[in-house]
Protein backbone atom coordinates (compact mmCIF):
# COMPACT_ATOMS: atom_id res chain seq x y z
CA MET A 1 -14.75 -14.14 25.99
CA ASP A 2 -11.70 -16.16 27.05
CA ASP A 3 -13.67 -19.40 26.55
CA LYS A 4 -14.56 -18.27 22.90
CA LYS A 5 -10.70 -18.13 21.93
CA ASP A 6 -10.38 -21.91 22.37
CA GLY A 7 -10.14 -23.35 19.07
CA PHE A 8 -10.16 -19.90 16.99
CA THR A 9 -6.45 -19.55 16.06
CA GLU A 10 -6.45 -23.56 15.32
CA LYS A 11 -9.39 -23.41 12.99
CA LEU A 12 -8.10 -20.27 11.35
CA LEU A 13 -4.69 -21.62 10.49
CA ASP A 14 -6.57 -24.90 9.33
CA TRP A 15 -8.83 -22.90 6.90
CA HIS A 16 -5.43 -21.28 5.72
CA LYS A 17 -3.56 -24.18 5.18
CA SER A 18 -6.64 -26.21 3.20
CA LEU A 19 -8.84 -24.01 1.83
CA ASN A 20 -7.02 -20.27 1.60
CA THR A 21 -6.49 -19.99 -2.28
CA ARG A 22 -6.47 -16.20 -2.33
CA SER A 23 -3.60 -14.97 -4.68
CA MET A 24 -1.74 -11.77 -4.35
CA PRO A 25 1.67 -10.94 -5.81
CA TRP A 26 2.94 -9.84 -2.48
CA LYS A 27 1.65 -12.44 -0.35
CA GLY A 28 4.73 -14.81 1.06
CA GLU A 29 6.82 -11.90 0.37
CA LYS A 30 9.92 -11.55 2.75
CA ASP A 31 11.49 -8.44 1.42
CA PRO A 32 10.42 -5.64 4.11
CA TYR A 33 10.69 -3.07 1.29
CA ARG A 34 8.18 -5.08 -1.12
CA ILE A 35 6.11 -5.57 2.27
CA TRP A 36 6.08 -1.92 3.01
CA LEU A 37 5.71 -1.11 -0.46
CA SER A 38 2.45 -3.06 -0.82
CA GLU A 39 0.78 -2.12 2.10
CA VAL A 40 1.16 1.82 1.51
CA ILE A 41 -0.27 1.05 -1.79
CA LEU A 42 -3.25 -1.05 -0.47
CA GLN A 43 -3.81 2.07 2.31
CA GLN A 44 -7.37 2.99 0.98
CA THR A 45 -7.17 1.15 -2.12
CA ARG A 46 -8.62 -1.94 -3.46
CA VAL A 47 -6.44 -5.17 -4.14
CA GLU A 48 -7.67 -5.19 -7.87
CA GLN A 49 -6.52 -1.61 -8.55
CA GLY A 50 -3.46 -1.73 -6.10
CA ARG A 51 -1.83 -4.83 -7.96
CA ALA A 52 -0.81 -3.07 -10.95
CA TYR A 53 0.55 -0.40 -8.86
CA TYR A 54 2.52 -2.86 -7.01
CA GLU A 55 3.99 -4.39 -9.91
CA ARG A 56 5.04 -0.95 -11.81
CA PHE A 57 6.65 0.47 -8.78
CA VAL A 58 8.74 -3.05 -8.02
CA ALA A 59 9.89 -3.01 -11.83
CA THR A 60 10.37 1.00 -11.68
CA PHE A 61 12.10 0.53 -8.32
CA PRO A 62 13.41 -2.67 -7.67
CA THR A 63 14.90 -1.75 -4.12
CA VAL A 64 14.49 1.06 -1.42
CA LEU A 65 17.65 2.74 -2.62
CA ASP A 66 16.04 2.81 -6.24
CA LEU A 67 13.20 4.63 -4.78
CA ALA A 68 15.16 6.98 -2.44
CA ARG A 69 17.22 8.42 -5.28
CA ALA A 70 14.20 8.33 -7.90
CA PRO A 71 13.18 12.05 -9.02
CA GLU A 72 9.79 12.94 -7.08
CA GLN A 73 8.24 13.96 -10.18
CA LYS A 74 8.73 10.17 -11.69
CA ILE A 75 7.62 8.80 -8.28
CA PHE A 76 4.21 10.93 -8.41
CA LYS A 77 3.84 10.31 -11.92
CA LEU A 78 3.76 6.71 -11.27
CA TRP A 79 1.47 6.92 -8.35
CA GLU A 80 -0.92 8.90 -10.44
CA GLY A 81 -4.47 7.66 -10.27
CA LEU A 82 -4.00 6.21 -6.68
CA GLY A 83 -5.27 9.07 -4.72
CA TYR A 84 -4.68 10.12 -1.15
CA TYR A 85 -1.40 11.51 -2.16
CA SER A 86 -0.06 11.66 1.25
CA ARG A 87 0.98 8.18 0.92
CA CYS A 88 3.26 9.05 -2.17
CA ARG A 89 5.09 11.65 -0.04
CA ASN A 90 5.47 9.50 3.24
CA LEU A 91 6.88 6.91 0.46
CA ILE A 92 9.52 9.22 -0.76
CA GLU A 93 10.27 10.73 2.91
CA THR A 94 10.62 7.12 4.40
CA ALA A 95 12.89 6.07 1.46
CA LYS A 96 15.12 8.97 2.23
CA LYS A 97 15.25 8.17 5.96
CA ILE A 98 16.00 4.44 5.30
CA GLU A 99 19.10 5.49 2.81
CA LYS A 100 20.31 8.29 5.38
CA ASP A 101 19.94 6.36 8.76
CA TYR A 102 19.78 2.72 7.83
CA GLN A 103 22.48 2.95 5.05
CA GLY A 104 19.73 1.34 2.67
CA SER A 105 18.95 -1.69 4.75
CA PHE A 106 15.21 -1.54 5.86
CA PRO A 107 15.13 -1.56 9.80
CA ALA A 108 14.28 -4.91 11.68
CA GLU A 109 12.78 -3.81 14.71
CA TYR A 110 9.25 -2.93 15.47
CA LYS A 111 9.93 0.24 17.34
CA GLN A 112 12.29 1.58 14.19
CA ILE A 113 9.78 0.34 11.82
CA ARG A 114 7.02 2.40 13.73
CA GLU A 115 8.85 5.52 13.66
CA LEU A 116 9.17 5.55 9.98
CA LYS A 117 6.53 8.37 8.18
CA GLY A 118 3.11 6.93 7.40
CA VAL A 119 3.87 3.58 8.80
CA GLY A 120 1.03 2.97 11.81
CA PRO A 121 0.55 0.07 13.97
CA TYR A 122 -0.81 -2.26 11.37
CA THR A 123 1.75 -1.60 8.69
CA ALA A 124 4.10 -1.95 11.13
CA ALA A 125 3.15 -5.48 12.58
CA ALA A 126 2.74 -6.76 9.10
CA ILE A 127 6.00 -5.67 8.21
CA ALA A 128 7.82 -6.94 11.31
CA SER A 129 5.81 -10.41 11.37
CA PHE A 130 5.84 -10.98 7.36
CA ALA A 131 9.44 -10.30 7.07
CA PHE A 132 11.02 -10.63 10.42
CA GLY A 133 8.88 -13.25 12.25
CA LEU A 134 8.47 -10.82 14.97
CA PRO A 135 5.05 -11.30 17.34
CA TYR A 136 2.94 -8.69 16.36
CA ALA A 137 -0.78 -8.88 15.50
CA VAL A 138 -2.05 -6.84 12.38
CA VAL A 139 -5.21 -5.11 12.95
CA ASP A 140 -6.81 -3.73 9.95
CA GLY A 141 -10.72 -3.47 8.84
CA ASN A 142 -10.43 -7.14 8.18
CA VAL A 143 -9.39 -8.34 11.28
CA GLN A 144 -11.83 -6.02 13.25
CA ARG A 145 -14.71 -7.37 11.29
CA VAL A 146 -14.06 -11.12 11.76
CA LEU A 147 -13.22 -10.52 15.83
CA ALA A 148 -16.22 -8.09 16.22
CA ARG A 149 -18.45 -11.01 14.66
CA TYR A 150 -17.03 -13.76 16.27
CA PHE A 151 -17.18 -12.45 19.70
CA GLY A 152 -19.89 -10.23 19.18
CA ILE A 153 -18.18 -7.06 20.04
CA ASN A 154 -20.31 -3.92 19.81
CA THR A 155 -17.73 -1.31 21.02
CA PRO A 156 -17.02 0.95 18.07
CA VAL A 157 -13.87 0.24 16.38
CA ASP A 158 -13.08 4.08 15.58
CA THR A 159 -12.73 4.80 19.41
CA THR A 160 -9.96 5.03 21.70
CA ALA A 161 -11.72 2.18 23.73
CA GLY A 162 -12.46 0.25 20.53
CA LYS A 163 -8.67 0.58 19.01
CA LYS A 164 -7.31 -0.87 22.40
CA LEU A 165 -10.06 -3.61 22.84
CA TYR A 166 -9.19 -4.88 19.26
CA ALA A 167 -5.49 -4.51 19.55
CA VAL A 168 -5.12 -6.64 22.87
CA LEU A 169 -7.64 -9.18 21.67
CA ALA A 170 -5.68 -9.65 18.48
CA ASP A 171 -2.33 -10.04 20.19
CA SER A 172 -3.81 -12.80 22.48
CA LEU A 173 -5.07 -14.72 19.31
CA LEU A 174 -1.89 -14.53 17.68
CA ASP A 175 0.25 -17.53 17.12
CA THR A 176 3.52 -16.25 18.01
CA ARG A 177 5.48 -19.18 16.68
CA GLN A 178 4.00 -18.35 13.09
CA PRO A 179 2.72 -14.69 13.20
CA GLY A 180 3.17 -14.07 9.79
CA ILE A 181 1.17 -16.74 8.51
CA TYR A 182 -1.48 -16.15 11.15
CA ASN A 183 -1.60 -12.56 10.22
CA GLN A 184 -2.09 -13.52 6.73
CA ALA A 185 -4.81 -16.07 7.45
CA ILE A 186 -6.95 -13.58 9.58
CA MET A 187 -6.79 -11.02 7.08
CA ASP A 188 -7.42 -13.15 4.13
CA PHE A 189 -10.36 -14.65 6.07
CA GLY A 190 -12.00 -11.52 6.47
CA ALA A 191 -11.35 -10.74 2.85
CA VAL A 192 -13.04 -13.62 1.15
CA VAL A 193 -14.96 -15.48 4.18
CA CYS A 194 -16.11 -13.01 6.83
CA LYS A 195 -16.98 -10.25 3.79
CA PRO A 196 -18.26 -6.86 4.62
CA GLN A 197 -21.50 -7.96 2.72
CA ASN A 198 -23.26 -11.37 2.15
CA PRO A 199 -20.41 -13.15 4.16
CA LEU A 200 -19.80 -17.06 3.78
CA CYS A 201 -21.37 -17.86 6.59
CA GLY A 202 -22.51 -21.41 5.43
CA GLU A 203 -18.96 -22.02 4.54
CA CYS A 204 -17.35 -20.77 7.78
CA PRO A 205 -15.33 -23.06 10.04
CA GLN A 206 -15.80 -20.77 13.24
CA ARG A 207 -19.61 -20.30 12.87
CA ALA A 208 -20.36 -22.84 15.59
CA ASP A 209 -18.94 -20.42 17.92
CA CYS A 210 -19.77 -17.02 16.17
CA GLN A 211 -21.74 -14.54 18.19
CA ALA A 212 -23.14 -12.73 15.15
CA PHE A 213 -24.18 -15.75 13.43
CA GLU A 214 -25.62 -16.95 16.46
CA ASN A 215 -27.71 -14.08 17.01
CA GLY A 216 -28.21 -12.49 13.57
CA TRP A 217 -25.75 -9.60 14.46
CA THR A 218 -23.84 -10.10 10.93
CA SER A 219 -24.79 -7.15 9.20
CA SER A 220 -24.52 -4.96 12.12
CA LEU A 221 -20.97 -5.66 13.08
CA PRO A 222 -18.60 -4.07 13.35
CA VAL A 223 -19.83 -0.78 15.12
CA LYS A 224 -18.79 2.81 13.70
CA GLU A 225 -19.19 5.81 15.92
CA LYS A 226 -18.19 8.38 14.05
CA SER A 227 -19.75 10.23 10.76
CA ILE A 228 -17.53 12.96 9.35
CA PRO A 229 -19.34 15.52 7.40
CA LYS A 230 -17.91 16.01 3.67
CA ARG A 231 -16.68 19.53 2.76
CA LYS A 232 -17.72 20.97 -0.62
CA ARG A 233 -15.36 22.85 -2.73
CA TRP A 234 -15.83 24.75 -6.29
CA MET A 235 -12.45 24.56 -8.40
CA TYR A 236 -12.49 26.59 -11.58
CA TYR A 237 -9.36 26.16 -13.62
CA LEU A 238 -8.12 28.78 -16.23
CA MET A 239 -6.26 26.91 -19.17
CA LEU A 240 -4.53 29.95 -20.25
CA ARG A 241 -2.93 29.24 -23.68
CA THR A 242 -0.33 31.06 -25.23
CA ASP A 243 0.22 31.55 -29.45
CA LYS A 244 3.05 28.85 -28.88
CA ASP A 245 0.23 26.26 -27.57
CA GLU A 246 1.65 26.39 -24.11
CA VAL A 247 -0.28 26.64 -20.76
CA TYR A 248 0.58 27.46 -17.21
CA ILE A 249 0.61 25.17 -14.55
CA ALA A 250 1.86 24.73 -10.86
CA GLU A 251 2.96 22.58 -8.21
CA ARG A 252 0.50 22.61 -5.28
CA LYS A 253 2.61 23.18 -2.08
CA ALA A 254 0.14 23.74 0.54
CA LYS A 255 -0.70 21.35 3.20
CA ASP A 256 -4.19 20.42 1.38
CA ILE A 257 -5.33 17.60 -0.86
CA TRP A 258 -2.99 17.03 -4.21
CA ALA A 259 0.10 18.51 -2.57
CA GLY A 260 3.14 17.49 -4.98
CA LEU A 261 0.84 17.27 -8.11
CA PHE A 262 0.09 19.81 -10.57
CA GLU A 263 -2.49 22.09 -11.80
CA PHE A 264 -3.65 24.82 -14.20
CA VAL A 265 -4.38 28.49 -12.95
CA LEU A 266 -6.80 27.73 -10.09
CA HIS A 267 -9.69 29.88 -8.86
CA GLU A 268 -11.62 28.38 -5.66
CA THR A 269 -14.82 29.69 -4.79
CA LYS A 270 -17.36 29.02 -1.75
CA SER A 271 -20.16 28.27 -4.31
CA ALA A 272 -21.07 27.48 -7.71
CA ALA A 273 -19.79 30.38 -10.27
CA THR A 274 -20.46 31.08 -13.75
CA ALA A 275 -17.45 31.88 -16.24
CA GLU A 276 -18.62 35.24 -16.57
CA GLU A 277 -18.63 36.02 -12.90
CA ILE A 278 -15.11 34.49 -12.83
CA MET A 279 -13.67 36.77 -15.75
CA GLN A 280 -15.24 39.71 -13.87
CA SER A 281 -13.97 38.73 -10.27
CA ASP A 282 -10.79 40.39 -8.53
CA PHE A 283 -8.94 37.15 -9.41
CA ALA A 284 -9.28 37.50 -13.04
CA ARG A 285 -8.19 41.51 -12.77
CA ARG A 286 -5.18 40.50 -11.17
CA ILE A 287 -3.99 37.95 -13.39
CA PHE A 288 -5.59 39.94 -16.81
CA GLY A 289 -5.24 43.52 -15.63
CA GLU A 290 -7.06 45.89 -18.31
CA ARG A 291 -6.70 43.09 -20.85
CA ARG A 292 -10.17 41.91 -22.50
CA LEU A 293 -9.96 38.12 -23.32
CA THR A 294 -12.45 35.91 -24.73
CA VAL A 295 -13.12 32.48 -23.32
CA LYS A 296 -12.68 29.94 -25.93
CA TYR A 297 -14.15 26.84 -24.25
CA ILE A 298 -15.89 26.16 -21.12
CA SER A 299 -16.09 22.20 -20.44
CA LYS A 300 -18.64 20.49 -18.60
CA VAL A 301 -19.00 20.35 -14.70
CA TYR A 302 -16.48 17.67 -13.27
CA ARG A 303 -16.87 15.90 -9.94
CA GLN A 304 -14.46 13.93 -7.74
CA GLU A 305 -15.42 12.38 -4.50
CA LEU A 306 -13.03 12.22 -1.83
CA THR A 307 -13.37 10.85 1.47
CA HIS A 308 -14.22 13.98 3.49
CA GLN A 309 -14.59 16.15 0.30
CA THR A 310 -16.35 16.52 -2.60
CA ILE A 311 -15.09 18.61 -5.78
CA GLU A 312 -16.61 20.31 -8.34
CA GLY A 313 -15.52 22.70 -11.09
CA GLN A 314 -15.13 23.33 -14.66
CA PHE A 315 -12.10 24.08 -17.15
CA ILE A 316 -12.18 27.52 -19.00
CA THR A 317 -9.82 27.92 -21.78
CA ILE A 318 -8.83 31.54 -22.65
CA ASP A 319 -6.14 32.53 -25.70
CA ILE A 320 -4.09 34.94 -24.00
CA GLY A 321 -1.41 35.05 -27.02
CA LYS A 322 1.83 36.43 -25.21
CA PRO A 323 2.74 35.14 -21.60
CA LEU A 324 1.46 37.24 -18.99
CA PRO A 325 4.16 38.79 -16.16
CA THR A 326 1.66 38.24 -13.46
CA LEU A 327 1.91 34.55 -13.43
CA LYS A 328 5.44 34.23 -11.99
CA GLU A 329 4.62 31.47 -9.34
CA TYR A 330 3.48 29.33 -12.70
CA ARG A 331 5.38 27.99 -15.41
CA LEU A 332 4.56 27.67 -18.89
CA VAL A 333 4.53 24.12 -20.16
CA ALA A 334 3.99 22.97 -23.90
CA TRP A 335 0.36 21.19 -24.06
CA LYS A 336 2.20 18.17 -25.60
CA ASP A 337 4.59 17.74 -22.70
CA LEU A 338 1.80 17.72 -20.15
CA LYS A 339 1.85 13.90 -20.21
CA GLU A 340 5.28 14.19 -18.22
CA PHE A 341 3.73 15.67 -15.08
CA PRO A 342 1.43 13.98 -12.60
CA PHE A 343 -2.16 15.70 -11.99
CA PRO A 344 -4.71 14.80 -9.55
CA GLY A 345 -7.88 12.78 -10.94
CA PHE A 346 -10.22 15.77 -10.87
CA ILE A 347 -7.75 17.19 -13.84
CA ASN A 348 -6.96 13.82 -15.67
CA ALA A 349 -10.44 13.41 -15.94
CA TYR A 350 -10.87 16.37 -18.08
CA LEU A 351 -7.42 16.09 -20.07
CA GLN A 352 -8.61 12.17 -20.87
CA ASP A 353 -12.25 13.38 -21.80
CA PRO A 354 -12.26 13.39 -25.56
CA SER A 355 -14.62 16.79 -25.64
CA PRO A 356 -11.94 19.29 -24.36
CA ALA A 357 -11.11 21.90 -27.24
CA TRP A 358 -7.42 20.52 -26.92
CA SER A 359 -6.95 16.98 -26.89
CA LEU A 360 -3.96 15.47 -24.76
CA PHE A 361 -4.17 11.79 -25.94
């Protein structure tokens, strides 16, 4: 493998200097707060989608102190639609830690950066190299793909052995005199030349020494070992409407998807259910007692695909007249004020659909 390393870094940096035209608002950024913010947003998010969120966050919270001191509901509302909300919770926790432990100044040492909530080796290396010029190589999906193809590596990227192999190899290729430039170059190279599908091998300056190009392995590298089965969940939301046009909502607190976001009265089942079955369930009896209520509206079935879960369910509108004493853990909110609260994409799909009995927008 060592003989293949010769020239890789030099060719990569030449490509970056003369041919890399990839443009992003955070590219070349030296402010560690903005680098961290962009990296957190781009975890599990395409650049095209993340760009607008990054620009809104920077405009709303120009510094890490602005973020640390902002109401959490405001932050979640700004994050709404990005998904993977644990990233947002980590963002809030880290901003508060920087305010408390570092007097509002982003830590400048790799070890300290790595200890921040939600900051893994890749994000820490990006912040350390881009903001502080420290010699740490980034290893993300783009980098793994480039290295797997160039060196012909068939060790799965998602195994302990694979992670160690790629980390050591990436460090050995790093230009320690300009680590930030090198890291940006290899990430961009993987994004625009050595792409997952239809890589531009004909234009690649590395193709003469690329094992995947030489042996026809491009479509089979990198290798992944693990395949996590998806969990199926059915969520049925009761839209309990008072005579004052209010509806019950609550914040999700459990260590589960969508923690920190709001939802309506939820009945989760182990399999698909009808509105009639739900209204006759023990769940409904605990809420309504002996009151006989009429279902006013049943939505279509909504579906959302998450990384490891598939969510399906419906929204069932019921006029209850007066507030219910059994829903103390929920709060009553005027329908017109719902837009002030952050909701998961599954619920927003319903709220933004022109078909519901109530129209929010």
